[in-house]
């Protein structure tokens, strides 16, 4: 099994988290929403698998390149 680390594309604030550790996701499922530059940006699963780790929480400030999730596929 491979691990995929999902990283933030830009800095912002975590607005919503739609998954939790152990959740099953399919490629392109919405995992969280980030608020950046007054816009809401969805973060989608790049692969299908199981959420092994959630590295963020609602309200958290994040930087571009920060780890958001670890998916085991």
Protein backbone atom coordinates (compact mmCIF):
# COMPACT_ATOMS: atom_id res chain seq x y z
CA UNK A 1 0.00 0.00 0.00
CA UNK A 2 1.17 3.49 -0.81
CA UNK A 3 0.80 6.67 1.23
CA UNK A 4 -0.09 9.95 -0.43
CA UNK A 5 0.39 13.23 1.41
CA UNK A 6 -2.09 15.92 0.36
CA UNK A 7 -0.53 19.38 0.66
CA UNK A 8 -2.07 22.84 0.72
CA UNK A 9 -1.80 24.63 -2.65
CA UNK A 10 -1.63 28.05 -0.96
CA UNK A 11 -1.82 29.66 2.43
CA UNK A 12 -5.18 30.32 4.02
CA UNK A 13 -7.50 29.17 6.79
CA UNK A 14 -9.21 25.80 7.12
CA UNK A 15 -12.93 26.52 6.74
CA UNK A 16 -14.45 22.99 6.79
CA UNK A 17 -13.16 19.43 7.11
CA UNK A 18 -15.36 16.76 5.50
CA UNK A 19 -13.42 13.60 6.42
CA UNK A 20 -11.88 12.04 9.51
CA UNK A 21 -9.27 9.40 10.21
CA UNK A 22 -10.52 6.06 8.87
CA UNK A 23 -12.86 7.61 6.27
CA UNK A 24 -12.92 6.04 2.83
CA UNK A 25 -12.49 8.50 -0.05
CA UNK A 26 -12.69 8.15 -3.79
CA UNK A 27 -10.57 10.14 -6.19
CA UNK A 28 -12.01 13.69 -6.49
CA UNK A 29 -14.04 13.48 -3.23
CA UNK A 30 -14.06 16.79 -1.34
CA UNK A 31 -11.91 16.48 1.80
CA UNK A 32 -11.85 20.05 3.11
CA UNK A 33 -12.39 23.67 2.19
CA UNK A 34 -9.78 26.40 2.60
CA UNK A 35 -10.59 30.09 2.71
CA UNK A 36 -7.94 32.07 0.84
CA UNK A 37 -8.19 35.63 -0.49
CA UNK A 38 -11.88 35.77 0.56
CA UNK A 39 -12.63 32.74 -1.66
CA UNK A 40 -13.50 29.18 -0.68
CA UNK A 41 -11.23 26.58 -2.28
CA UNK A 42 -12.15 22.87 -2.13
CA UNK A 43 -9.37 20.34 -1.61
CA UNK A 44 -10.16 17.10 -3.43
CA UNK A 45 -8.73 13.61 -2.93
CA UNK A 46 -6.01 12.92 -5.51
CA UNK A 47 -6.46 9.12 -5.12
CA UNK A 48 -8.96 6.65 -3.70
CA UNK A 49 -8.14 5.14 -0.32
CA UNK A 50 -8.43 5.47 3.45
CA UNK A 51 -7.66 8.62 5.42
CA UNK A 52 -4.73 7.59 7.61
CA UNK A 53 -4.15 11.01 9.18
CA UNK A 54 -5.89 14.40 9.32
CA UNK A 55 -3.21 17.04 9.94
CA UNK A 56 -5.53 20.08 10.20
CA UNK A 57 -8.49 21.41 12.14
CA UNK A 58 -11.19 23.99 11.45
CA UNK A 59 -9.95 27.55 11.93
CA UNK A 60 -6.28 26.62 11.58
CA UNK A 61 -4.04 28.90 9.54
CA UNK A 62 -2.02 26.94 6.98
CA UNK A 63 0.81 27.76 4.63
CA UNK A 64 1.34 26.70 1.03
CA UNK A 65 2.87 23.23 1.01
CA UNK A 66 1.68 22.30 4.53
CA UNK A 67 0.47 18.71 4.91
CA UNK A 68 -3.31 18.42 5.14
CA UNK A 69 -4.03 14.67 4.94
CA UNK A 70 -2.31 11.32 4.54
CA UNK A 71 -4.20 8.86 2.33
CA UNK A 72 -3.33 5.16 2.21
CA UNK A 73 -4.23 3.60 -1.13
